[in-house]
Amino acid sequence: MLFFDRNTALGTPTPEPRPYLTVLPSGPDAALVQYQWLVGNEASCCPSGLGTVRFRIGGNGALEALDPIPGP
C-alpha cells in the first residue's frame, strides 16, 4: 500500500510489507488504516488481531502516523 498526495508518493503505512491492511472512510485531513494480524495458530483466512491508525501529511510533506502501529 502506498499513499499519494496528487502525483507525489508520500510513503507506506508500515515499515515493511504486511498483509491484511484496509483503508477505511475518514475525514478530509487524515486517512484511517485498519490493521489485522493472525493471533496464535489462526488460519490465514481469519485474522482476529485488529487495530486502526490515523495518518496525515506531516509538516515535512511525509506520511505521519498519529497512533502507534499495532500488531505483532
PDB file of N, CA and C in Angstrom:
ATOM      1  N   MET A   1       0.844  -1.154   0.000  1.00  0.00           N
ATOM      2  CA  MET A   1       0.000   0.000   0.000  1.00  0.00           C
ATOM      3  C   MET A   1       0.905   1.237   0.000  1.00  0.00           C
ATOM      4  N   LEU A   2       0.569   2.192  -0.834  1.00  0.00           N
ATOM      5  CA  LEU A   2       1.352   3.412  -0.952  1.00  0.00           C
ATOM      6  C   LEU A   2       0.390   4.593  -0.997  1.00  0.00           C
ATOM      7  N   PHE A   3       0.638   5.615  -0.199  1.00  0.00           N
ATOM      8  CA  PHE A   3      -0.196   6.816  -0.178  1.00  0.00           C
ATOM      9  C   PHE A   3       0.397   7.885  -1.087  1.00  0.00           C
ATOM     10  N   PHE A   4      -0.502   8.632  -1.738  1.00  0.00           N
ATOM     11  CA  PHE A   4      -0.109   9.719  -2.634  1.00  0.00           C
ATOM     12  C   PHE A   4      -0.830  11.005  -2.252  1.00  0.00           C
ATOM     13  N   ASP A   5      -0.197  12.125  -2.508  1.00  0.00           N
ATOM     14  CA  ASP A   5      -0.823  13.447  -2.466  1.00  0.00           C
ATOM     15  C   ASP A   5      -0.749  13.955  -3.895  1.00  0.00           C
ATOM     16  N   ARG A   6      -1.846  13.829  -4.593  1.00  0.00           N
ATOM     17  CA  ARG A   6      -1.916  14.081  -6.030  1.00  0.00           C
ATOM     18  C   ARG A   6      -0.929  13.156  -6.748  1.00  0.00           C
ATOM     19  N   ASN A   7       0.141  13.663  -7.332  1.00  0.00           N
ATOM     20  CA  ASN A   7       1.101  12.823  -8.048  1.00  0.00           C
ATOM     21  C   ASN A   7       2.370  12.535  -7.257  1.00  0.00           C
ATOM     22  N   THR A   8       2.406  12.916  -5.986  1.00  0.00           N
ATOM     23  CA  THR A   8       3.594  12.736  -5.153  1.00  0.00           C
ATOM     24  C   THR A   8       3.410  11.576  -4.188  1.00  0.00           C
ATOM     25  N   ALA A   9       4.304  10.592  -4.251  1.00  0.00           N
ATOM     26  CA  ALA A   9       4.255   9.466  -3.313  1.00  0.00           C
ATOM     27  C   ALA A   9       4.652   9.958  -1.920  1.00  0.00           C
ATOM     28  N   LEU A  10       3.855   9.603  -0.904  1.00  0.00           N
ATOM     29  CA  LEU A  10       4.119  10.026   0.472  1.00  0.00           C
ATOM     30  C   LEU A  10       4.765   8.930   1.311  1.00  0.00           C
ATOM     31  N   GLY A  11       4.518   7.686   0.965  1.00  0.00           N
ATOM     32  CA  GLY A  11       5.088   6.585   1.731  1.00  0.00           C
ATOM     33  C   GLY A  11       4.057   5.517   2.029  1.00  0.00           C
ATOM     34  N   THR A  12       4.497   4.532   2.799  1.00  0.00           N
ATOM     35  CA  THR A  12       3.654   3.399   3.162  1.00  0.00           C
ATOM     36  C   THR A  12       3.251   3.494   4.636  1.00  0.00           C
ATOM     37  N   PRO A  13       2.157   2.834   5.017  1.00  0.00           N
ATOM     38  CA  PRO A  13       1.735   2.883   6.417  1.00  0.00           C
ATOM     39  C   PRO A  13       2.429   1.852   7.307  1.00  0.00           C
ATOM     40  N   THR A  14       3.405   1.122   6.781  1.00  0.00           N
ATOM     41  CA  THR A  14       4.167   0.166   7.585  1.00  0.00           C
ATOM     42  C   THR A  14       5.626   0.204   7.144  1.00  0.00           C
ATOM     43  N   PRO A  15       6.555  -0.050   8.058  1.00  0.00           N
ATOM     44  CA  PRO A  15       7.968  -0.058   7.666  1.00  0.00           C
ATOM     45  C   PRO A  15       8.313  -1.223   6.738  1.00  0.00           C
ATOM     46  N   GLU A  16       7.583  -2.345   6.842  1.00  0.00           N
ATOM     47  CA  GLU A  16       7.783  -3.493   5.967  1.00  0.00           C
ATOM     48  C   GLU A  16       6.415  -3.972   5.478  1.00  0.00           C
ATOM     49  N   PRO A  17       6.350  -4.685   4.354  1.00  0.00           N
ATOM     50  CA  PRO A  17       5.060  -5.142   3.831  1.00  0.00           C
ATOM     51  C   PRO A  17       4.310  -6.007   4.843  1.00  0.00           C
ATOM     52  N   ARG A  18       2.994  -5.802   4.918  1.00  0.00           N
ATOM     53  CA  ARG A  18       2.150  -6.604   5.812  1.00  0.00           C
ATOM     54  C   ARG A  18       0.848  -6.934   5.099  1.00  0.00           C
ATOM     55  N   PRO A  19       0.322  -8.134   5.340  1.00  0.00           N
ATOM     56  CA  PRO A  19      -0.989  -8.475   4.778  1.00  0.00           C
ATOM     57  C   PRO A  19      -2.094  -7.851   5.624  1.00  0.00           C
ATOM     58  N   TYR A  20      -3.289  -7.938   5.138  1.00  0.00           N
ATOM     59  CA  TYR A  20      -4.490  -7.554   5.902  1.00  0.00           C
ATOM     60  C   TYR A  20      -4.550  -6.065   6.249  1.00  0.00           C
ATOM     61  N   LEU A  21      -4.278  -5.187   5.310  1.00  0.00           N
ATOM     62  CA  LEU A  21      -4.433  -3.743   5.516  1.00  0.00           C
ATOM     63  C   LEU A  21      -5.638  -3.258   4.725  1.00  0.00           C
ATOM     64  N   THR A  22      -6.413  -2.354   5.328  1.00  0.00           N
ATOM     65  CA  THR A  22      -7.581  -1.785   4.670  1.00  0.00           C
ATOM     66  C   THR A  22      -7.634  -0.295   4.969  1.00  0.00           C
ATOM     67  N   VAL A  23      -7.887   0.530   3.959  1.00  0.00           N
ATOM     68  CA  VAL A  23      -8.110   1.959   4.182  1.00  0.00           C
ATOM     69  C   VAL A  23      -9.602   2.146   4.426  1.00  0.00           C
ATOM     70  N   LEU A  24      -9.947   2.771   5.543  1.00  0.00           N
ATOM     71  CA  LEU A  24     -11.343   2.988   5.929  1.00  0.00           C
ATOM     72  C   LEU A  24     -11.755   4.427   5.630  1.00  0.00           C
ATOM     73  N   PRO A  25     -13.057   4.674   5.504  1.00  0.00           N
ATOM     74  CA  PRO A  25     -13.518   6.057   5.307  1.00  0.00           C
ATOM     75  C   PRO A  25     -13.036   6.938   6.466  1.00  0.00           C
ATOM     76  N   SER A  26     -12.618   8.157   6.121  1.00  0.00           N
ATOM     77  CA  SER A  26     -12.127   9.086   7.143  1.00  0.00           C
ATOM     78  C   SER A  26     -12.380  10.512   6.709  1.00  0.00           C
ATOM     79  N   GLY A  27     -11.879  11.468   7.472  1.00  0.00           N
ATOM     80  CA  GLY A  27     -12.107  12.875   7.191  1.00  0.00           C
ATOM     81  C   GLY A  27     -11.187  13.418   6.119  1.00  0.00           C
ATOM     82  N   PRO A  28     -11.299  14.709   5.830  1.00  0.00           N
ATOM     83  CA  PRO A  28     -10.522  15.322   4.751  1.00  0.00           C
ATOM     84  C   PRO A  28      -9.035  15.508   5.071  1.00  0.00           C
ATOM     85  N   ASP A  29      -8.660  15.483   6.348  1.00  0.00           N
ATOM     86  CA  ASP A  29      -7.275  15.758   6.727  1.00  0.00           C
ATOM     87  C   ASP A  29      -6.498  14.537   7.207  1.00  0.00           C
ATOM     88  N   ALA A  30      -7.135  13.371   7.210  1.00  0.00           N
ATOM     89  CA  ALA A  30      -6.464  12.169   7.702  1.00  0.00           C
ATOM     90  C   ALA A  30      -6.977  10.939   6.971  1.00  0.00           C
ATOM     91  N   ALA A  31      -6.147   9.911   6.951  1.00  0.00           N
ATOM     92  CA  ALA A  31      -6.551   8.609   6.412  1.00  0.00           C
ATOM     93  C   ALA A  31      -6.559   7.634   7.581  1.00  0.00           C
ATOM     94  N   LEU A  32      -7.485   6.704   7.566  1.00  0.00           N
ATOM     95  CA  LEU A  32      -7.601   5.711   8.625  1.00  0.00           C
ATOM     96  C   LEU A  32      -7.277   4.346   8.034  1.00  0.00           C
ATOM     97  N   VAL A  33      -6.263   3.677   8.592  1.00  0.00           N
ATOM     98  CA  VAL A  33      -5.841   2.368   8.103  1.00  0.00           C
ATOM     99  C   VAL A  33      -6.159   1.327   9.176  1.00  0.00           C
ATOM    100  N   GLN A  34      -6.846   0.265   8.750  1.00  0.00           N
ATOM    101  CA  GLN A  34      -7.144  -0.848   9.659  1.00  0.00           C
ATOM    102  C   GLN A  34      -6.111  -1.949   9.442  1.00  0.00           C
ATOM    103  N   TYR A  35      -5.502  -2.387  10.524  1.00  0.00           N
ATOM    104  CA  TYR A  35      -4.521  -3.471  10.518  1.00  0.00           C
ATOM    105  C   TYR A  35      -5.179  -4.708  11.100  1.00  0.00           C
ATOM    106  N   GLN A  36      -4.940  -5.855  10.489  1.00  0.00           N
ATOM    107  CA  GLN A  36      -5.363  -7.131  11.040  1.00  0.00           C
ATOM    108  C   GLN A  36      -4.144  -8.046  11.044  1.00  0.00           C
ATOM    109  N   TRP A  37      -4.084  -8.959  11.994  1.00  0.00           N
ATOM    110  CA  TRP A  37      -2.976  -9.896  12.072  1.00  0.00           C
ATOM    111  C   TRP A  37      -3.455 -11.187  12.707  1.00  0.00           C
ATOM    112  N   LEU A  38      -2.695 -12.247  12.423  1.00  0.00           N
ATOM    113  CA  LEU A  38      -3.015 -13.565  12.960  1.00  0.00           C
ATOM    114  C   LEU A  38      -2.602 -13.625  14.423  1.00  0.00           C
ATOM    115  N   VAL A  39      -3.437 -14.264  15.234  1.00  0.00           N
ATOM    116  CA  VAL A  39      -3.151 -14.461  16.644  1.00  0.00           C
ATOM    117  C   VAL A  39      -3.035 -15.964  16.885  1.00  0.00           C
ATOM    118  N   GLY A  40      -1.945 -16.374  17.455  1.00  0.00           N
ATOM    119  CA  GLY A  40      -1.749 -17.797  17.725  1.00  0.00           C
ATOM    120  C   GLY A  40      -1.686 -18.614  16.445  1.00  0.00           C
ATOM    121  N   ASN A  41      -2.413 -19.702  16.411  1.00  0.00           N
ATOM    122  CA  ASN A  41      -2.401 -20.618  15.270  1.00  0.00           C
ATOM    123  C   ASN A  41      -3.613 -20.436  14.373  1.00  0.00           C
ATOM    124  N   GLU A  42      -4.118 -19.234  14.234  1.00  0.00           N
ATOM    125  CA  GLU A  42      -5.297 -18.985  13.404  1.00  0.00           C
ATOM    126  C   GLU A  42      -5.015 -19.320  11.946  1.00  0.00           C
ATOM    127  N   ALA A  43      -6.090 -19.681  11.246  1.00  0.00           N
ATOM    128  CA  ALA A  43      -5.992 -19.898   9.801  1.00  0.00           C
ATOM    129  C   ALA A  43      -5.753 -18.554   9.112  1.00  0.00           C
ATOM    130  N   SER A  44      -5.038 -18.583   7.989  1.00  0.00           N
ATOM    131  CA  SER A  44      -4.714 -17.353   7.252  1.00  0.00           C
ATOM    132  C   SER A  44      -5.946 -16.574   6.812  1.00  0.00           C
ATOM    133  N   CYS A  45      -7.065 -17.252   6.694  1.00  0.00           N
ATOM    134  CA  CYS A  45      -8.285 -16.582   6.236  1.00  0.00           C
ATOM    135  C   CYS A  45      -8.925 -15.697   7.290  1.00  0.00           C
ATOM    136  N   CYS A  46      -8.594 -15.899   8.545  1.00  0.00           N
ATOM    137  CA  CYS A  46      -9.424 -15.330   9.612  1.00  0.00           C
ATOM    138  C   CYS A  46      -8.625 -14.656  10.723  1.00  0.00           C
ATOM    139  N   PRO A  47      -7.869 -13.610  10.424  1.00  0.00           N
ATOM    140  CA  PRO A  47      -7.096 -12.963  11.487  1.00  0.00           C
ATOM    141  C   PRO A  47      -8.011 -12.261  12.494  1.00  0.00           C
ATOM    142  N   SER A  48      -7.735 -12.445  13.777  1.00  0.00           N
ATOM    143  CA  SER A  48      -8.583 -11.818  14.792  1.00  0.00           C
ATOM    144  C   SER A  48      -7.938 -10.586  15.428  1.00  0.00           C
ATOM    145  N   GLY A  49      -6.630 -10.396  15.230  1.00  0.00           N
ATOM    146  CA  GLY A  49      -5.998  -9.178  15.725  1.00  0.00           C
ATOM    147  C   GLY A  49      -6.505  -7.993  14.916  1.00  0.00           C
ATOM    148  N   LEU A  50      -6.861  -6.894  15.586  1.00  0.00           N
ATOM    149  CA  LEU A  50      -7.468  -5.758  14.895  1.00  0.00           C
ATOM    150  C   LEU A  50      -7.058  -4.449  15.561  1.00  0.00           C
ATOM    151  N   GLY A  51      -6.658  -3.468  14.759  1.00  0.00           N
ATOM    152  CA  GLY A  51      -6.325  -2.149  15.264  1.00  0.00           C
ATOM    153  C   GLY A  51      -6.378  -1.133  14.135  1.00  0.00           C
ATOM    154  N   THR A  52      -6.536   0.137  14.486  1.00  0.00           N
ATOM    155  CA  THR A  52      -6.583   1.197  13.478  1.00  0.00           C
ATOM    156  C   THR A  52      -5.568   2.288  13.822  1.00  0.00           C
ATOM    157  N   VAL A  53      -5.111   2.962  12.784  1.00  0.00           N
ATOM    158  CA  VAL A  53      -4.140   4.054  12.932  1.00  0.00           C
ATOM    159  C   VAL A  53      -4.563   5.194  12.019  1.00  0.00           C
ATOM    160  N   ARG A  54      -4.499   6.410  12.539  1.00  0.00           N
ATOM    161  CA  ARG A  54      -4.765   7.603  11.738  1.00  0.00           C
ATOM    162  C   ARG A  54      -3.448   8.103  11.156  1.00  0.00           C
ATOM    163  N   PHE A  55      -3.496   8.523   9.896  1.00  0.00           N
ATOM    164  CA  PHE A  55      -2.324   9.079   9.215  1.00  0.00           C
ATOM    165  C   PHE A  55      -2.677  10.450   8.653  1.00  0.00           C
ATOM    166  N   ARG A  56      -1.663  11.313   8.554  1.00  0.00           N
ATOM    167  CA  ARG A  56      -1.833  12.614   7.911  1.00  0.00           C
ATOM    168  C   ARG A  56      -0.539  12.975   7.215  1.00  0.00           C
ATOM    169  N   ILE A  57      -0.583  14.030   6.442  1.00  0.00           N
ATOM    170  CA  ILE A  57       0.627  14.560   5.814  1.00  0.00           C
ATOM    171  C   ILE A  57       1.286  15.480   6.833  1.00  0.00           C
ATOM    172  N   GLY A  58       2.512  15.152   7.214  1.00  0.00           N
ATOM    173  CA  GLY A  58       3.229  15.937   8.214  1.00  0.00           C
ATOM    174  C   GLY A  58       3.774  17.234   7.645  1.00  0.00           C
ATOM    175  N   GLY A  59       4.353  18.052   8.505  1.00  0.00           N
ATOM    176  CA  GLY A  59       4.909  19.342   8.102  1.00  0.00           C
ATOM    177  C   GLY A  59       6.021  19.233   7.074  1.00  0.00           C
ATOM    178  N   ASN A  60       6.697  18.079   7.045  1.00  0.00           N
ATOM    179  CA  ASN A  60       7.777  17.878   6.074  1.00  0.00           C
ATOM    180  C   ASN A  60       7.271  17.271   4.770  1.00  0.00           C
ATOM    181  N   GLY A  61       5.948  17.104   4.646  1.00  0.00           N
ATOM    182  CA  GLY A  61       5.361  16.551   3.431  1.00  0.00           C
ATOM    183  C   GLY A  61       5.340  15.035   3.380  1.00  0.00           C
ATOM    184  N   ALA A  62       5.768  14.364   4.464  1.00  0.00           N
ATOM    185  CA  ALA A  62       5.791  12.903   4.504  1.00  0.00           C
ATOM    186  C   ALA A  62       4.572  12.368   5.256  1.00  0.00           C
ATOM    187  N   LEU A  63       4.258  11.115   5.025  1.00  0.00           N
ATOM    188  CA  LEU A  63       3.179  10.446   5.729  1.00  0.00           C
ATOM    189  C   LEU A  63       3.559  10.307   7.200  1.00  0.00           C
ATOM    190  N   GLU A  64       2.634  10.638   8.102  1.00  0.00           N
ATOM    191  CA  GLU A  64       2.916  10.628   9.540  1.00  0.00           C
ATOM    192  C   GLU A  64       1.818   9.849  10.260  1.00  0.00           C
ATOM    193  N   ALA A  65       2.190   8.851  11.061  1.00  0.00           N
ATOM    194  CA  ALA A  65       1.233   8.094  11.871  1.00  0.00           C
ATOM    195  C   ALA A  65       0.897   8.905  13.112  1.00  0.00           C
ATOM    196  N   LEU A  66      -0.388   9.033  13.415  1.00  0.00           N
ATOM    197  CA  LEU A  66      -0.829   9.759  14.609  1.00  0.00           C
ATOM    198  C   LEU A  66      -1.054   8.816  15.791  1.00  0.00           C
ATOM    199  N   ASP A  67      -1.025   7.515  15.540  1.00  0.00           N
ATOM    200  CA  ASP A  67      -1.226   6.494  16.564  1.00  0.00           C
ATOM    201  C   ASP A  67      -0.124   5.442  16.393  1.00  0.00           C
ATOM    202  N   PRO A  68       0.127   4.649  17.439  1.00  0.00           N
ATOM    203  CA  PRO A  68       1.115   3.568  17.307  1.00  0.00           C
ATOM    204  C   PRO A  68       0.648   2.509  16.313  1.00  0.00           C
ATOM    205  N   ILE A  69       1.573   1.936  15.551  1.00  0.00           N
ATOM    206  CA  ILE A  69       1.247   0.863  14.613  1.00  0.00           C
ATOM    207  C   ILE A  69       1.008  -0.410  15.440  1.00  0.00           C
ATOM    208  N   PRO A  70      -0.182  -1.027  15.320  1.00  0.00           N
ATOM    209  CA  PRO A  70      -0.487  -2.212  16.111  1.00  0.00           C
ATOM    210  C   PRO A  70       0.036  -3.490  15.479  1.00  0.00           C
ATOM    211  N   GLY A  71      -0.079  -4.570  16.215  1.00  0.00           N
ATOM    212  CA  GLY A  71       0.230  -5.880  15.663  1.00  0.00           C
ATOM    213  C   GLY A  71       1.453  -6.508  16.274  1.00  0.00           C
ATOM    214  N   PRO A  72       1.755  -7.660  15.766  1.00  0.00           N
ATOM    215  CA  PRO A  72       2.871  -8.424  16.319  1.00  0.00           C
ATOM    216  C   PRO A  72       4.217  -7.791  16.014  1.00  0.00           C
TER     217      PRO A  72
END
